[in-house]
């Protein structure tokens, strides 16, 4: 299991929308920290969930077909057409690289890295930091006709 959250378009039909998005990854990481702070799960359980998800993100970053120009794709398939978890997510056919989604993930990684360091989960904090470091939002910044823009990046850039 990848540890990445599943977008829930229809909860009882996992195959209907078997995707996950980098923004959701960040939300899940922060939700686990919050759940631990509220006593709903232990800090160790939160760390374990984070470690699984972060290791998947790192594997995606290390695969040039799944991570391009320092950015994740907008949607990753996480379940099979029958609704079962797949061993390793892969990006959908929607290929524009989303600056906003990656920026929100970066911010969440920053928050979670701090929480992990505060709890002395150094190895997982370093994993979050290494993923965050490889996200390159500069790829989305450009100037045209005297105006500056932040935009999506076509993967055929």
Protein backbone atom coordinates (compact mmCIF):
# COMPACT_ATOMS: atom_id res chain seq x y z
CA UNK A 1 0.00 0.00 0.00
CA UNK A 2 1.31 3.44 -0.97
CA UNK A 3 0.06 5.37 2.05
CA UNK A 4 -1.30 8.07 -0.25
CA UNK A 5 -4.91 9.13 0.32
CA UNK A 6 -7.66 8.21 -2.11
CA UNK A 7 -9.84 10.97 -3.53
CA UNK A 8 -13.34 10.00 -2.45
CA UNK A 9 -15.75 10.96 -5.18
CA UNK A 10 -17.96 8.06 -4.20
CA UNK A 11 -16.84 6.32 -1.03
CA UNK A 12 -18.60 3.02 -1.76
CA UNK A 13 -17.18 2.86 -5.30
CA UNK A 14 -13.40 3.18 -4.89
CA UNK A 15 -12.78 2.47 -8.57
CA UNK A 16 -14.98 5.32 -9.77
CA UNK A 17 -12.31 7.91 -9.02
CA UNK A 18 -9.20 6.01 -7.97
CA UNK A 19 -6.91 9.02 -7.92
CA UNK A 20 -4.81 10.92 -5.44
CA UNK A 21 -3.48 14.47 -5.73
CA UNK A 22 -0.34 16.08 -4.24
CA UNK A 23 -2.48 18.61 -2.34
CA UNK A 24 -4.30 15.71 -0.68
CA UNK A 25 -0.98 14.15 0.25
CA UNK A 26 -0.07 17.24 2.21
CA UNK A 27 -3.49 17.40 3.86
CA UNK A 28 -3.17 13.75 4.92
CA UNK A 29 0.29 14.31 6.40
CA UNK A 30 -0.97 17.27 8.41
CA UNK A 31 -4.15 15.42 9.45
CA UNK A 32 -2.08 12.59 10.92
CA UNK A 33 -0.03 15.07 12.96
CA UNK A 34 -3.23 16.75 14.15
CA UNK A 35 -4.82 13.39 15.00
CA UNK A 36 -1.76 12.55 17.11
CA UNK A 37 -1.85 15.92 18.86
CA UNK A 38 -5.52 15.39 19.69
CA UNK A 39 -4.85 11.88 21.02
CA UNK A 40 -6.87 10.13 18.30
CA UNK A 41 -3.82 8.12 17.22
CA UNK A 42 -0.40 7.83 18.80
CA UNK A 43 2.52 9.91 17.59
CA UNK A 44 4.22 6.67 16.55
CA UNK A 45 1.19 5.71 14.44
CA UNK A 46 1.22 9.14 12.78
CA UNK A 47 4.94 8.83 12.08
CA UNK A 48 4.46 5.36 10.59
CA UNK A 49 1.68 6.57 8.27
CA UNK A 50 3.80 9.56 7.25
CA UNK A 51 6.83 7.37 6.61
CA UNK A 52 4.86 5.09 4.28
CA UNK A 53 3.42 8.01 2.31
CA UNK A 54 6.74 9.87 2.19
CA UNK A 55 8.59 6.79 0.95
CA UNK A 56 6.05 6.52 -1.88
CA UNK A 57 6.55 10.21 -2.73
CA UNK A 58 10.29 9.68 -2.77
CA UNK A 59 9.95 6.69 -5.11
CA UNK A 60 7.79 8.82 -7.42
CA UNK A 61 10.39 11.61 -7.35
CA UNK A 62 13.12 9.13 -8.26
CA UNK A 63 11.19 7.97 -11.33
CA UNK A 64 11.60 10.48 -14.21
CA UNK A 65 8.36 9.24 -15.75
CA UNK A 66 6.44 10.18 -12.56
CA UNK A 67 8.10 13.47 -11.52
CA UNK A 68 9.19 16.13 -14.02
CA UNK A 69 10.87 19.56 -13.82
CA UNK A 70 10.82 19.33 -10.03
CA UNK A 71 7.04 18.86 -9.87
CA UNK A 72 4.55 16.08 -9.25
CA UNK A 73 1.74 15.49 -11.74
CA UNK A 74 -1.78 16.55 -10.72
CA UNK A 75 -3.30 13.07 -10.39
CA UNK A 76 -1.89 9.68 -9.51
CA UNK A 77 -3.84 6.46 -9.88
CA UNK A 78 -3.82 4.58 -6.56
CA UNK A 79 -6.46 1.88 -7.08
CA UNK A 80 -7.15 -0.62 -9.84
CA UNK A 81 -10.34 -0.57 -11.94
CA UNK A 82 -11.75 -3.13 -9.48
CA UNK A 83 -11.11 -0.74 -6.56
CA UNK A 84 -8.15 -2.57 -5.03
CA UNK A 85 -5.01 -0.74 -3.91
CA UNK A 86 -2.17 -0.97 -6.42
CA UNK A 87 1.41 -1.50 -5.27
CA UNK A 88 2.80 1.72 -6.74
CA UNK A 89 0.84 4.78 -7.91
CA UNK A 90 1.42 6.25 -11.36
CA UNK A 91 0.31 9.52 -12.91
CA UNK A 92 -2.84 9.82 -14.98
CA UNK A 93 -2.93 11.01 -18.58
CA UNK A 94 -3.49 14.61 -17.47
CA UNK A 95 0.03 15.93 -17.94
CA UNK A 96 0.14 19.61 -16.96
CA UNK A 97 2.33 20.00 -13.90
CA UNK A 98 0.41 21.97 -11.23
CA UNK A 99 2.29 24.76 -9.48
CA UNK A 100 -0.42 25.39 -6.89
CA UNK A 101 -0.82 21.75 -5.90
CA UNK A 102 2.92 21.32 -5.53
CA UNK A 103 3.20 24.57 -3.56
CA UNK A 104 0.54 23.38 -1.12
CA UNK A 105 2.32 20.04 -0.76
CA UNK A 106 5.60 21.89 -0.14
CA UNK A 107 3.97 23.94 2.63
CA UNK A 108 2.50 20.82 4.24
CA UNK A 109 5.86 19.07 4.08
CA UNK A 110 7.38 22.06 5.85
CA UNK A 111 4.80 21.89 8.67
CA UNK A 112 5.10 18.13 9.04
CA UNK A 113 8.89 18.24 9.00
CA UNK A 114 8.76 20.63 11.97
CA UNK A 115 6.29 18.40 13.83
CA UNK A 116 8.47 15.34 13.21
CA UNK A 117 11.58 17.15 14.46
CA UNK A 118 9.71 18.32 17.54
CA UNK A 119 8.79 14.68 18.27
CA UNK A 120 12.40 13.62 17.59
CA UNK A 121 11.47 11.48 14.56
CA UNK A 122 14.60 12.63 12.78
CA UNK A 123 14.77 10.02 10.00
CA UNK A 124 11.20 10.72 8.88
CA UNK A 125 11.77 14.48 9.20
CA UNK A 126 14.81 14.16 6.94
CA UNK A 127 12.72 12.20 4.44
CA UNK A 128 10.12 15.00 4.38
CA UNK A 129 12.90 17.55 3.96
CA UNK A 130 14.50 15.67 1.05
CA UNK A 131 11.18 15.50 -0.81
CA UNK A 132 10.50 19.18 -0.15
CA UNK A 133 13.98 20.14 -1.38
CA UNK A 134 13.43 18.47 -4.75
CA UNK A 135 10.20 20.36 -5.47
CA UNK A 136 11.15 23.18 -7.83
CA UNK A 137 8.51 25.88 -7.99
CA UNK A 138 10.85 28.05 -10.10
CA UNK A 139 9.85 25.90 -13.06
CA UNK A 140 6.44 27.55 -12.91
CA UNK A 141 7.67 31.15 -12.88
CA UNK A 142 8.05 33.06 -16.13
CA UNK A 143 8.05 36.60 -17.49
CA UNK A 144 6.29 37.64 -20.68
CA UNK A 145 5.74 41.15 -22.07
CA UNK A 146 7.01 42.69 -18.86
CA UNK A 147 4.64 40.70 -16.62
CA UNK A 148 5.59 37.90 -14.23
CA UNK A 149 3.46 34.76 -13.96
CA UNK A 150 3.22 31.57 -11.98
CA UNK A 151 1.50 28.87 -13.97
CA UNK A 152 1.25 25.17 -14.65
CA UNK A 153 4.05 23.63 -16.65
CA UNK A 154 3.16 21.52 -19.68
CA UNK A 155 5.05 18.26 -19.21
CA UNK A 156 6.36 18.56 -22.79
CA UNK A 157 8.00 21.87 -21.70
